[in-house]
């Protein structure tokens, strides 16, 4: 029941987001991650959204996804992409 409500509000469980191997292969610098974590701490929101396609694959916002995962978030606000 809670999952249906959260989905209607535009949230998705982090564990349900699928990641393409090309995203996992990209290594982020410590500085890049630190800047985005500082933004989250300062503004209590993520700088960039997580975008998923109609199949549940992440298409943008991988760094945001990684930070949310590190911060032990269970849910994250997502934008749905029209493209697959």
N, C-alpha and C. Protein backbone atom coordinates (compact mmCIF):
# COMPACT_ATOMS: atom_id res chain seq x y z
N UNK A 1 0.82 -1.20 0.00
CA UNK A 1 0.00 0.00 0.00
C UNK A 1 0.87 1.27 0.00
N UNK A 2 1.88 1.29 0.87
CA UNK A 2 2.74 2.47 0.94
C UNK A 2 3.46 2.69 -0.39
N UNK A 3 3.80 1.60 -1.06
CA UNK A 3 4.52 1.73 -2.34
C UNK A 3 3.64 2.40 -3.40
N UNK A 4 2.38 2.07 -3.43
CA UNK A 4 1.47 2.70 -4.39
C UNK A 4 1.35 4.19 -4.12
N UNK A 5 1.24 4.56 -2.86
CA UNK A 5 1.12 5.97 -2.49
C UNK A 5 2.39 6.72 -2.87
N UNK A 6 3.54 6.16 -2.52
CA UNK A 6 4.81 6.81 -2.82
C UNK A 6 5.01 6.95 -4.34
N UNK A 7 4.63 5.91 -5.10
CA UNK A 7 4.75 5.99 -6.55
C UNK A 7 3.87 7.09 -7.12
N UNK A 8 2.66 7.24 -6.60
CA UNK A 8 1.77 8.31 -7.07
C UNK A 8 2.34 9.69 -6.75
N UNK A 9 3.10 9.78 -5.67
CA UNK A 9 3.73 11.05 -5.30
C UNK A 9 5.03 11.31 -6.07
N UNK A 10 5.43 10.37 -6.92
CA UNK A 10 6.63 10.55 -7.73
C UNK A 10 7.89 9.99 -7.13
N UNK A 11 7.75 9.13 -6.14
CA UNK A 11 8.91 8.51 -5.50
C UNK A 11 9.06 7.07 -5.97
N UNK A 12 10.28 6.59 -5.89
CA UNK A 12 10.57 5.21 -6.27
C UNK A 12 11.55 4.64 -5.25
N UNK A 13 11.39 3.38 -4.93
CA UNK A 13 12.34 2.73 -4.03
C UNK A 13 13.69 2.66 -4.72
N UNK A 14 14.74 3.02 -4.00
CA UNK A 14 16.08 2.94 -4.58
C UNK A 14 16.39 1.52 -5.05
N UNK A 15 15.94 0.56 -4.30
CA UNK A 15 16.22 -0.84 -4.66
C UNK A 15 15.53 -1.28 -5.95
N UNK A 16 14.53 -0.53 -6.40
CA UNK A 16 13.81 -0.87 -7.63
C UNK A 16 14.42 -0.21 -8.87
N UNK A 17 15.29 0.77 -8.67
CA UNK A 17 15.91 1.46 -9.80
C UNK A 17 16.99 0.57 -10.40
N UNK A 18 16.88 0.36 -11.70
CA UNK A 18 17.85 -0.48 -12.41
C UNK A 18 18.94 0.43 -13.00
N UNK A 19 20.16 -0.08 -13.00
CA UNK A 19 21.30 0.71 -13.46
C UNK A 19 21.95 0.03 -14.67
N UNK A 20 22.11 0.81 -15.74
CA UNK A 20 22.83 0.30 -16.91
C UNK A 20 24.31 0.13 -16.56
N UNK A 21 24.96 -0.88 -17.11
CA UNK A 21 26.39 -1.10 -16.84
C UNK A 21 27.27 0.11 -17.19
N UNK A 22 26.86 0.90 -18.17
CA UNK A 22 27.66 2.07 -18.54
C UNK A 22 27.73 3.09 -17.41
N UNK A 23 26.68 3.19 -16.60
CA UNK A 23 26.72 4.09 -15.44
C UNK A 23 27.65 3.52 -14.38
N UNK A 24 27.55 2.23 -14.13
CA UNK A 24 28.37 1.61 -13.09
C UNK A 24 29.85 1.67 -13.44
N UNK A 25 30.17 1.69 -14.73
CA UNK A 25 31.57 1.73 -15.17
C UNK A 25 32.21 3.10 -14.95
N UNK A 26 31.38 4.15 -14.88
CA UNK A 26 31.89 5.51 -14.72
C UNK A 26 32.28 5.76 -13.27
N UNK A 27 33.49 6.17 -13.06
CA UNK A 27 33.98 6.46 -11.71
C UNK A 27 33.93 7.97 -11.47
N UNK A 28 33.31 8.36 -10.36
CA UNK A 28 33.22 9.77 -10.00
C UNK A 28 34.39 10.16 -9.12
N UNK A 29 34.80 11.43 -9.22
CA UNK A 29 35.88 11.92 -8.37
C UNK A 29 35.33 12.21 -6.97
N UNK A 30 36.20 12.17 -6.00
CA UNK A 30 35.80 12.47 -4.62
C UNK A 30 35.27 13.90 -4.52
N UNK A 31 35.90 14.82 -5.27
CA UNK A 31 35.47 16.21 -5.24
C UNK A 31 34.07 16.41 -5.80
N UNK A 32 33.77 15.69 -6.87
CA UNK A 32 32.44 15.77 -7.48
C UNK A 32 31.37 15.30 -6.49
N UNK A 33 31.63 14.20 -5.84
CA UNK A 33 30.68 13.67 -4.86
C UNK A 33 30.57 14.60 -3.65
N UNK A 34 31.71 15.11 -3.19
CA UNK A 34 31.71 15.99 -2.02
C UNK A 34 30.89 17.26 -2.27
N UNK A 35 31.03 17.84 -3.46
CA UNK A 35 30.26 19.04 -3.80
C UNK A 35 28.76 18.77 -3.74
N UNK A 36 28.35 17.64 -4.26
CA UNK A 36 26.92 17.31 -4.28
C UNK A 36 26.40 16.95 -2.89
N UNK A 37 27.24 16.34 -2.07
CA UNK A 37 26.84 16.05 -0.69
C UNK A 37 26.71 17.34 0.10
N UNK A 38 27.63 18.27 -0.10
CA UNK A 38 27.54 19.58 0.57
C UNK A 38 26.27 20.30 0.17
N UNK A 39 25.91 20.24 -1.09
CA UNK A 39 24.67 20.87 -1.57
C UNK A 39 23.48 20.24 -0.84
N UNK A 40 23.47 18.92 -0.74
CA UNK A 40 22.37 18.23 -0.08
C UNK A 40 22.27 18.65 1.40
N UNK A 41 23.39 18.72 2.06
CA UNK A 41 23.40 19.11 3.47
C UNK A 41 22.91 20.55 3.63
N UNK A 42 23.36 21.44 2.76
CA UNK A 42 23.00 22.86 2.87
C UNK A 42 21.52 23.12 2.55
N UNK A 43 21.00 22.48 1.50
CA UNK A 43 19.65 22.79 1.04
C UNK A 43 18.61 21.70 1.36
N UNK A 44 19.06 20.60 1.95
CA UNK A 44 18.19 19.49 2.32
C UNK A 44 17.41 18.92 1.13
N UNK A 45 18.05 18.95 -0.01
CA UNK A 45 17.49 18.34 -1.23
C UNK A 45 18.65 18.09 -2.18
N UNK A 46 18.39 17.25 -3.15
CA UNK A 46 19.44 16.94 -4.12
C UNK A 46 19.50 18.02 -5.19
N UNK A 47 20.71 18.26 -5.68
CA UNK A 47 20.94 19.27 -6.70
C UNK A 47 20.32 18.88 -8.03
N UNK A 48 20.41 17.61 -8.37
CA UNK A 48 19.87 17.13 -9.65
C UNK A 48 18.91 15.97 -9.40
N UNK A 49 17.89 15.87 -10.24
CA UNK A 49 16.92 14.78 -10.06
C UNK A 49 17.45 13.45 -10.59
N UNK A 50 16.80 12.40 -10.15
CA UNK A 50 17.03 11.08 -10.72
C UNK A 50 15.96 10.88 -11.78
N UNK A 51 16.38 10.50 -12.98
CA UNK A 51 15.45 10.29 -14.09
C UNK A 51 15.48 8.82 -14.45
N UNK A 52 14.29 8.22 -14.54
CA UNK A 52 14.18 6.81 -14.93
C UNK A 52 13.29 6.70 -16.16
N UNK A 53 13.57 5.69 -16.97
CA UNK A 53 12.73 5.47 -18.16
C UNK A 53 11.54 4.59 -17.80
N UNK A 54 10.75 4.26 -18.78
CA UNK A 54 9.52 3.49 -18.54
C UNK A 54 9.80 2.05 -18.09
N UNK A 55 11.05 1.61 -18.20
CA UNK A 55 11.42 0.27 -17.77
C UNK A 55 12.07 0.27 -16.39
N UNK A 56 12.18 1.45 -15.77
CA UNK A 56 12.76 1.56 -14.44
C UNK A 56 14.27 1.71 -14.42
N UNK A 57 14.87 1.94 -15.61
CA UNK A 57 16.31 2.14 -15.68
C UNK A 57 16.65 3.62 -15.50
N UNK A 58 17.68 3.87 -14.73
CA UNK A 58 18.16 5.23 -14.52
C UNK A 58 18.76 5.74 -15.82
N UNK A 59 18.34 6.94 -16.24
CA UNK A 59 18.90 7.53 -17.46
C UNK A 59 19.67 8.82 -17.16
N UNK A 60 19.48 9.38 -15.97
CA UNK A 60 20.22 10.58 -15.56
C UNK A 60 20.15 10.68 -14.04
N UNK A 61 21.18 11.30 -13.47
CA UNK A 61 21.19 11.49 -12.02
C UNK A 61 21.88 10.37 -11.25
N UNK A 62 22.85 9.73 -11.89
CA UNK A 62 23.52 8.61 -11.24
C UNK A 62 24.25 9.04 -9.96
N UNK A 63 24.87 10.21 -9.97
CA UNK A 63 25.57 10.69 -8.78
C UNK A 63 24.57 10.91 -7.64
N UNK A 64 23.42 11.48 -7.96
CA UNK A 64 22.38 11.66 -6.95
C UNK A 64 21.93 10.32 -6.40
N UNK A 65 21.77 9.35 -7.27
CA UNK A 65 21.40 7.99 -6.86
C UNK A 65 22.44 7.42 -5.89
N UNK A 66 23.73 7.56 -6.24
CA UNK A 66 24.80 7.04 -5.38
C UNK A 66 24.79 7.69 -4.00
N UNK A 67 24.59 9.00 -3.97
CA UNK A 67 24.58 9.71 -2.69
C UNK A 67 23.38 9.28 -1.85
N UNK A 68 22.22 9.17 -2.47
CA UNK A 68 21.03 8.72 -1.75
C UNK A 68 21.25 7.32 -1.18
N UNK A 69 21.89 6.48 -1.95
CA UNK A 69 22.19 5.12 -1.50
C UNK A 69 23.15 5.16 -0.31
N UNK A 70 24.20 5.97 -0.40
CA UNK A 70 25.17 6.11 0.70
C UNK A 70 24.53 6.66 1.96
N UNK A 71 23.55 7.54 1.78
CA UNK A 71 22.85 8.14 2.92
C UNK A 71 21.73 7.25 3.46
N UNK A 72 21.62 6.05 2.91
CA UNK A 72 20.65 5.04 3.35
C UNK A 72 19.20 5.43 3.11
N UNK A 73 18.96 6.24 2.06
CA UNK A 73 17.59 6.56 1.68
C UNK A 73 16.93 5.30 1.14
N UNK A 74 15.68 5.11 1.45
CA UNK A 74 14.94 3.98 0.88
C UNK A 74 14.15 4.42 -0.34
N UNK A 75 13.74 5.68 -0.37
CA UNK A 75 12.93 6.24 -1.46
C UNK A 75 13.62 7.48 -2.00
N UNK A 76 13.37 7.75 -3.29
CA UNK A 76 13.89 8.98 -3.88
C UNK A 76 12.87 9.49 -4.90
N UNK A 77 12.76 10.81 -4.97
CA UNK A 77 11.88 11.44 -5.95
C UNK A 77 12.49 11.22 -7.33
N UNK A 78 11.67 10.77 -8.28
CA UNK A 78 12.17 10.53 -9.64
C UNK A 78 11.33 11.28 -10.65
N UNK A 79 11.97 11.55 -11.77
CA UNK A 79 11.26 12.07 -12.95
C UNK A 79 11.18 10.92 -13.93
N UNK A 80 10.05 10.79 -14.58
CA UNK A 80 9.88 9.73 -15.57
C UNK A 80 10.24 10.29 -16.94
N UNK A 81 11.10 9.59 -17.63
CA UNK A 81 11.52 9.99 -18.96
C UNK A 81 10.59 9.37 -20.00
N UNK A 82 10.33 10.11 -21.05
CA UNK A 82 9.51 9.60 -22.14
C UNK A 82 10.32 8.66 -23.03
N UNK A 83 11.64 8.83 -23.01
CA UNK A 83 12.50 8.00 -23.85
C UNK A 83 12.87 6.73 -23.11
N UNK A 84 13.14 5.69 -23.86
CA UNK A 84 13.55 4.44 -23.24
C UNK A 84 15.07 4.39 -23.19
